[in-house]
C-alpha atoms as a PDB file:
ATOM      1  CA  MET A   1     -22.365   8.828  12.028  1.00  0.00           C
ATOM      2  CA  SER A   2     -22.803   5.008  12.114  1.00  0.00           C
ATOM      3  CA  GLU A   3     -20.913   2.336  13.467  1.00  0.00           C
ATOM      4  CA  VAL A   4     -17.490   1.389  11.719  1.00  0.00           C
ATOM      5  CA  LEU A   5     -16.098  -1.673  11.871  1.00  0.00           C
ATOM      6  CA  GLY A   6     -12.703  -3.202  11.135  1.00  0.00           C
ATOM      7  CA  PHE A   7     -10.939  -0.938   8.574  1.00  0.00           C
ATOM      8  CA  GLY A   8     -13.626   1.524   7.471  1.00  0.00           C
ATOM      9  CA  PHE A   9     -16.533  -0.765   6.819  1.00  0.00           C
ATOM     10  CA  PHE A  10     -20.072   0.966   7.618  1.00  0.00           C
ATOM     11  CA  PRO A  11     -22.479  -2.074   7.230  1.00  0.00           C
ATOM     12  CA  GLU A  12     -25.192   0.571   7.375  1.00  0.00           C
ATOM     13  CA  ARG A  13     -23.751   2.175   4.394  1.00  0.00           C
ATOM     14  CA  THR A  14     -23.289  -1.151   2.427  1.00  0.00           C
ATOM     15  CA  THR A  15     -23.410  -4.719   2.278  1.00  0.00           C
ATOM     16  CA  HIS A  16     -19.882  -5.189  -0.139  1.00  0.00           C
ATOM     17  CA  CYS A  17     -16.725  -5.431   1.740  1.00  0.00           C
ATOM     18  CA  PHE A  18     -13.826  -7.630   1.966  1.00  0.00           C
ATOM     19  CA  VAL A  19     -13.377  -9.927   4.997  1.00  0.00           C
ATOM     20  CA  VAL A  20      -9.725 -10.854   6.393  1.00  0.00           C
ATOM     21  CA  HIS A  21     -10.075 -14.079   8.174  1.00  0.00           C
ATOM     22  CA  LEU A  22      -7.286 -14.712  10.690  1.00  0.00           C
ATOM     23  CA  PRO A  23      -6.913 -18.124  11.600  1.00  0.00           C
ATOM     24  CA  ASN A  24      -6.902 -19.418  15.279  1.00  0.00           C
ATOM     25  CA  THR A  25      -3.338 -20.910  15.269  1.00  0.00           C
ATOM     26  CA  ALA A  26      -0.233 -19.441  14.426  1.00  0.00           C
ATOM     27  CA  LYS A  27       0.563 -21.709  11.579  1.00  0.00           C
ATOM     28  CA  GLY A  28      -2.642 -21.254   9.528  1.00  0.00           C
ATOM     29  CA  GLU A  29      -3.432 -19.566   6.515  1.00  0.00           C
ATOM     30  CA  ILE A  30      -5.067 -15.939   6.100  1.00  0.00           C
ATOM     31  CA  ALA A  31      -7.911 -15.761   3.589  1.00  0.00           C
ATOM     32  CA  ILE A  32      -9.539 -12.729   2.343  1.00  0.00           C
ATOM     33  CA  THR A  33     -12.755 -12.901   0.760  1.00  0.00           C
ATOM     34  CA  GLU A  34     -14.864 -10.505  -0.998  1.00  0.00           C
ATOM     35  CA  GLU A  35     -18.380 -10.475   0.525  1.00  0.00           C
ATOM     36  CA  PHE A  36     -21.111  -8.892  -1.342  1.00  0.00           C
ATOM     37  CA  LYS A  37     -23.725  -9.813   1.572  1.00  0.00           C
ATOM     38  CA  TRP A  38     -22.657  -8.734   4.878  1.00  0.00           C
ATOM     39  CA  ALA A  39     -24.021 -10.345   8.045  1.00  0.00           C
ATOM     40  CA  LEU A  40     -22.309  -9.869  11.623  1.00  0.00           C
ATOM     41  CA  GLU A  41     -21.927 -13.459  11.874  1.00  0.00           C
ATOM     42  CA  GLN A  42     -19.855 -14.418   8.424  1.00  0.00           C
ATOM     43  CA  GLU A  43     -19.927 -17.734   7.226  1.00  0.00           C
ATOM     44  CA  SER A  44     -16.627 -19.656   7.048  1.00  0.00           C
ATOM     45  CA  PHE A  45     -15.059 -19.412   4.047  1.00  0.00           C
ATOM     46  CA  GLU A  46     -14.011 -22.907   4.481  1.00  0.00           C
ATOM     47  CA  LYS A  47     -17.767 -23.901   4.256  1.00  0.00           C
ATOM     48  CA  HIS A  48     -17.959 -23.487   0.790  1.00  0.00           C
ATOM     49  CA  GLY A  49     -14.668 -24.663  -0.178  1.00  0.00           C
ATOM     50  CA  LEU A  50     -11.399 -23.412  -1.579  1.00  0.00           C
ATOM     51  CA  GLN A  51     -12.789 -23.342  -5.139  1.00  0.00           C
ATOM     52  CA  ASN A  52     -15.376 -20.271  -3.666  1.00  0.00           C
ATOM     53  CA  PRO A  53     -15.093 -17.496  -6.377  1.00  0.00           C
ATOM     54  CA  ASP A  54     -15.510 -15.102  -3.327  1.00  0.00           C
ATOM     55  CA  LEU A  55     -12.144 -16.346  -2.045  1.00  0.00           C
ATOM     56  CA  LYS A  56      -9.341 -13.749  -3.255  1.00  0.00           C
ATOM     57  CA  VAL A  57      -6.068 -14.948  -2.065  1.00  0.00           C
ATOM     58  CA  LEU A  58      -4.627 -17.352   0.876  1.00  0.00           C
ATOM     59  CA  LEU A  59      -1.261 -16.517   2.737  1.00  0.00           C
ATOM     60  CA  SER A  60       1.074 -18.171   4.556  1.00  0.00           C
ATOM     61  CA  MET A  61       1.056 -16.516   8.180  1.00  0.00           C
ATOM     62  CA  GLU A  62       4.982 -15.313   7.543  1.00  0.00           C
ATOM     63  CA  LEU A  63       3.670 -13.617   4.373  1.00  0.00           C
ATOM     64  CA  TRP A  64       0.991 -11.938   6.096  1.00  0.00           C
ATOM     65  CA  LYS A  65       3.230 -10.588   8.766  1.00  0.00           C
ATOM     66  CA  GLU A  66       5.368  -9.086   6.286  1.00  0.00           C
ATOM     67  CA  ILE A  67       2.591  -6.938   4.407  1.00  0.00           C
ATOM     68  CA  ALA A  68       0.080  -6.708   7.522  1.00  0.00           C
ATOM     69  CA  ASP A  69       1.501  -3.775   9.334  1.00  0.00           C
ATOM     70  CA  GLU A  70       2.433  -1.392   6.400  1.00  0.00           C
ATOM     71  CA  ALA A  71      -1.055  -1.920   4.806  1.00  0.00           C
ATOM     72  CA  LYS A  72      -2.511  -1.067   8.667  1.00  0.00           C
ATOM     73  CA  ALA A  73      -0.284   1.979   8.547  1.00  0.00           C
ATOM     74  CA  GLU A  74      -1.505   3.056   4.938  1.00  0.00           C
ATOM     75  CA  PHE A  75      -5.080   2.337   5.716  1.00  0.00           C
ATOM     76  CA  ASN A  76      -5.078   4.143   9.280  1.00  0.00           C
ATOM     77  CA  ARG A  77      -3.311   7.317   7.731  1.00  0.00           C
ATOM     78  CA  ARG A  78      -6.507   7.785   5.056  1.00  0.00           C
ATOM     79  CA  LEU A  79      -9.007   6.701   7.635  1.00  0.00           C
ATOM     80  CA  ILE A  80      -8.038   8.948  10.155  1.00  0.00           C
ATOM     81  CA  ARG A  81      -7.738  11.870   7.472  1.00  0.00           C
ATOM     82  CA  HIS A  82     -11.122  11.150   6.715  1.00  0.00           C
ATOM     83  CA  GLY A  83     -12.438  11.320  10.575  1.00  0.00           C
ATOM     84  CA  VAL A  84     -13.034   7.606  10.608  1.00  0.00           C
ATOM     85  CA  LYS A  85     -11.851   5.422  13.316  1.00  0.00           C
ATOM     86  CA  SER A  86      -8.655   3.639  12.644  1.00  0.00           C
ATOM     87  CA  GLY A  87      -8.617  -0.164  12.479  1.00  0.00           C
ATOM     88  CA  LYS A  88      -6.313  -3.233  13.835  1.00  0.00           C
ATOM     89  CA  TRP A  89      -5.368  -6.568  13.027  1.00  0.00           C
ATOM     90  CA  PRO A  90      -6.305  -8.905  15.693  1.00  0.00           C
ATOM     91  CA  ALA A  91      -4.330 -12.083  16.609  1.00  0.00           C
ATOM     92  CA  LYS A  92      -7.223 -13.988  14.982  1.00  0.00           C
ATOM     93  CA  GLY A  93     -11.108 -13.913  13.826  1.00  0.00           C
ATOM     94  CA  LYS A  94     -12.650 -11.882  10.976  1.00  0.00           C
ATOM     95  CA  VAL A  95     -11.879  -8.086  10.199  1.00  0.00           C
ATOM     96  CA  PRO A  96     -14.462  -6.621   7.394  1.00  0.00           C
ATOM     97  CA  VAL A  97     -12.427  -4.318   5.444  1.00  0.00           C
ATOM     98  CA  ASP A  98     -13.971  -1.449   3.353  1.00  0.00           C
ATOM     99  CA  ARG A  99     -14.513  -2.566  -0.141  1.00  0.00           C
ATOM    100  CA  ASN A 100     -12.042   0.001  -1.682  1.00  0.00           C
ATOM    101  CA  LEU A 101      -9.549  -0.605   1.126  1.00  0.00           C
ATOM    102  CA  GLY A 102      -9.893  -4.291   0.348  1.00  0.00           C
ATOM    103  CA  LYS A 103      -9.150  -4.100  -3.249  1.00  0.00           C
ATOM    104  CA  GLU A 104      -5.917  -2.670  -2.444  1.00  0.00           C
ATOM    105  CA  LEU A 105      -5.178  -5.163   0.438  1.00  0.00           C
ATOM    106  CA  VAL A 106      -5.929  -8.003  -1.938  1.00  0.00           C
ATOM    107  CA  LEU A 107      -3.546  -6.657  -4.789  1.00  0.00           C
ATOM    108  CA  LEU A 108      -0.655  -6.397  -2.163  1.00  0.00           C
ATOM    109  CA  ALA A 109      -1.361  -9.927  -1.210  1.00  0.00           C
ATOM    110  CA  TRP A 110      -1.387 -11.110  -4.785  1.00  0.00           C
ATOM    111  CA  ALA A 111       1.830  -9.597  -5.348  1.00  0.00           C
ATOM    112  CA  VAL A 112       3.504 -11.558  -2.564  1.00  0.00           C
ATOM    113  CA  GLU A 113       1.566 -14.689  -2.504  1.00  0.00           C
ATOM    114  CA  ASP A 114       4.479 -16.337  -4.813  1.00  0.00           C
ATOM    115  CA  ALA A 115       7.359 -13.862  -4.598  1.00  0.00           C
ATOM    116  CA  ASP A 116      10.264 -14.542  -3.144  1.00  0.00           C
ATOM    117  CA  PRO A 117      10.478 -13.441   0.437  1.00  0.00           C
ATOM    118  CA  VAL A 118      13.606 -11.257  -0.116  1.00  0.00           C
ATOM    119  CA  LEU A 119      11.474  -9.071  -2.645  1.00  0.00           C
ATOM    120  CA  ILE A 120       8.605  -8.706  -0.559  1.00  0.00           C
ATOM    121  CA  PRO A 121      10.071  -5.158   0.835  1.00  0.00           C
ATOM    122  CA  ASN A 122      10.148  -3.839  -2.772  1.00  0.00           C
ATOM    123  CA  ALA A 123       6.309  -4.974  -3.497  1.00  0.00           C
ATOM    124  CA  VAL A 124       5.165  -2.797  -0.563  1.00  0.00           C
ATOM    125  CA  ARG A 125       7.288  -0.213  -1.462  1.00  0.00           C
ATOM    126  CA  ASN A 126       5.822   0.176  -4.822  1.00  0.00           C
ATOM    127  CA  TRP A 127       2.326  -0.877  -3.883  1.00  0.00           C
ATOM    128  CA  LEU A 128       2.670   2.353  -1.338  1.00  0.00           C
ATOM    129  CA  GLY A 129       3.816   4.435  -4.341  1.00  0.00           C
ATOM    130  CA  LEU A 130       0.781   3.999  -6.274  1.00  0.00           C
ATOM    131  CA  SER A 131      -2.122   6.167  -5.662  1.00  0.00           C
ATOM    132  CA  PRO A 132      -5.396   4.378  -4.434  1.00  0.00           C
ATOM    133  CA  GLU A 133      -6.924   4.588  -7.853  1.00  0.00           C
ATOM    134  CA  GLU A 134      -4.151   2.880  -9.536  1.00  0.00           C
ATOM    135  CA  ARG A 135      -4.411   0.253  -6.936  1.00  0.00           C
ATOM    136  CA  TRP A 136      -7.997  -0.315  -7.514  1.00  0.00           C
ATOM    137  CA  TRP A 137      -7.699  -0.091 -11.428  1.00  0.00           C
ATOM    138  CA  LEU A 138      -5.023  -2.965 -11.097  1.00  0.00           C
ATOM    139  CA  PHE A 139      -7.020  -4.937  -8.753  1.00  0.00           C
ATOM    140  CA  THR A 140     -10.060  -5.001 -11.240  1.00  0.00           C
ATOM    141  CA  MET A 141      -8.217  -5.891 -14.084  1.00  0.00           C
ATOM    142  CA  THR A 142      -6.416  -8.541 -12.375  1.00  0.00           C
ATOM    143  CA  ASN A 143      -9.663  -9.720 -10.532  1.00  0.00           C
ATOM    144  CA  ALA A 144     -11.614 -10.000 -13.682  1.00  0.00           C
ATOM    145  CA  ALA A 145      -9.053 -12.399 -15.370  1.00  0.00           C
ATOM    146  CA  THR A 146      -7.499 -14.212 -12.502  1.00  0.00           C
ATOM    147  CA  GLY A 147      -9.315 -13.332  -9.167  1.00  0.00           C
ATOM    148  CA  GLN A 148     -10.238 -16.547  -7.538  1.00  0.00           C
ATOM    149  CA  ALA A 149      -7.618 -17.627  -5.123  1.00  0.00           C
ATOM    150  CA  LEU A 150      -6.416 -20.830  -6.155  1.00  0.00           C
ATOM    151  CA  GLY A 151      -7.813 -20.943  -9.795  1.00  0.00           C
ATOM    152  CA  GLY A 152      -6.046 -17.578 -10.828  1.00  0.00           C
ATOM    153  CA  ARG A 153      -2.816 -18.092  -8.639  1.00  0.00           C
ATOM    154  CA  ASN A 154       0.436 -17.289 -10.829  1.00  0.00           C
ATOM    155  CA  LYS A 155      -1.192 -16.874 -14.018  1.00  0.00           C
ATOM    156  CA  GLY A 156      -1.572 -13.880 -16.135  1.00  0.00           C
ATOM    157  CA  TRP A 157      -2.654 -10.742 -14.443  1.00  0.00           C
ATOM    158  CA  ARG A 158      -1.534 -12.083 -11.020  1.00  0.00           C
ATOM    159  CA  LYS A 159       1.824 -12.843 -12.229  1.00  0.00           C
ATOM    160  CA  ALA A 160       2.207  -9.704 -13.807  1.00  0.00           C
ATOM    161  CA  VAL A 161       1.341  -7.891 -10.629  1.00  0.00           C
ATOM    162  CA  ARG A 162       4.116  -9.919  -8.632  1.00  0.00           C
ATOM    163  CA  PHE A 163       6.583  -9.024 -11.345  1.00  0.00           C
ATOM    164  CA  ALA A 164       5.417  -5.118 -11.419  1.00  0.00           C
ATOM    165  CA  LEU A 165       5.373  -4.435  -7.686  1.00  0.00           C
ATOM    166  CA  THR A 166       8.504  -6.850  -6.555  1.00  0.00           C
ATOM    167  CA  GLU A 167      11.152  -5.398  -8.944  1.00  0.00           C
ATOM    168  CA  ASN A 168      12.430  -1.807  -8.729  1.00  0.00           C
ATOM    169  CA  PRO A 169      11.434  -0.304  -5.851  1.00  0.00           C
ATOM    170  CA  ILE A 170      10.492   3.492  -6.023  1.00  0.00           C
ATOM    171  CA  ALA A 171      12.521   5.791  -3.502  1.00  0.00           C
ATOM    172  CA  ASP A 172      11.176   6.873  -0.451  1.00  0.00           C
ATOM    173  CA  SER A 173      10.884  10.632  -1.737  1.00  0.00           C
ATOM    174  CA  VAL A 174       8.554   9.433  -4.405  1.00  0.00           C
ATOM    175  CA  ILE A 175       6.442   7.719  -1.770  1.00  0.00           C
ATOM    176  CA  LYS A 176       6.456  10.350   0.729  1.00  0.00           C
ATOM    177  CA  LYS A 177       4.895  12.593  -2.010  1.00  0.00           C
ATOM    178  CA  ARG A 178       2.562  10.280  -3.439  1.00  0.00           C
ATOM    179  CA  VAL A 179       1.200   9.942   0.192  1.00  0.00           C
ATOM    180  CA  SER A 180       0.951  13.373   0.946  1.00  0.00           C
ATOM    181  CA  ASP A 181      -0.822  14.079  -2.541  1.00  0.00           C
ATOM    182  CA  PHE A 182      -3.747  11.498  -1.631  1.00  0.00           C
ATOM    183  CA  GLU A 183      -6.695  13.406  -1.091  1.00  0.00           C
ATOM    184  CA  LEU A 184      -9.012  11.412  -2.680  1.00  0.00           C
ATOM    185  CA  PRO A 185     -12.426  10.452  -0.971  1.00  0.00           C
ATOM    186  CA  LEU A 186     -12.060   7.347   0.754  1.00  0.00           C
ATOM    187  CA  PHE A 187     -15.408   6.263   0.331  1.00  0.00           C
ATOM    188  CA  ARG A 188     -16.789   6.219  -3.232  1.00  0.00           C
ATOM    189  CA  GLU A 189     -20.331   5.364  -3.879  1.00  0.00           C
END
């Protein structure tokens, strides 16, 4: 098996991934970019400016802390189930994420980026209640219309995703059943 980086990213299999940029300071913003050409030393997203179409979302450190552990746990459950090394979020730096897991992470980040902080647990619960394929579909639809970090913020599909995931949390029993039912291949070609 080839080397795995971050959360399930195999650079020998594909060059397409998402990258979580964790800032050097505690007050900085988390950025998530979609990268179509992987290089071990990624150019910083700042070099291309905030209007870069590959920049998908910017989150405050406070919002990131609300979703990071749940996303890590969800991804690691699936990685381990598929015999892939688990990942972690370091305090700073860049973390590559498998393209499908990256879509799911960005979807969750879009749901919370402008949400009332009190509703973030609802967003996480509803996100966990979706199957990976449902998350991928929602990402694809949202990305097509409003996928750029700043240009698409709080518009159309992005706004709809926020309301869909922050309202009406599903029951724990539904989440547990859905998690046990997810036997989809992690890596789709």
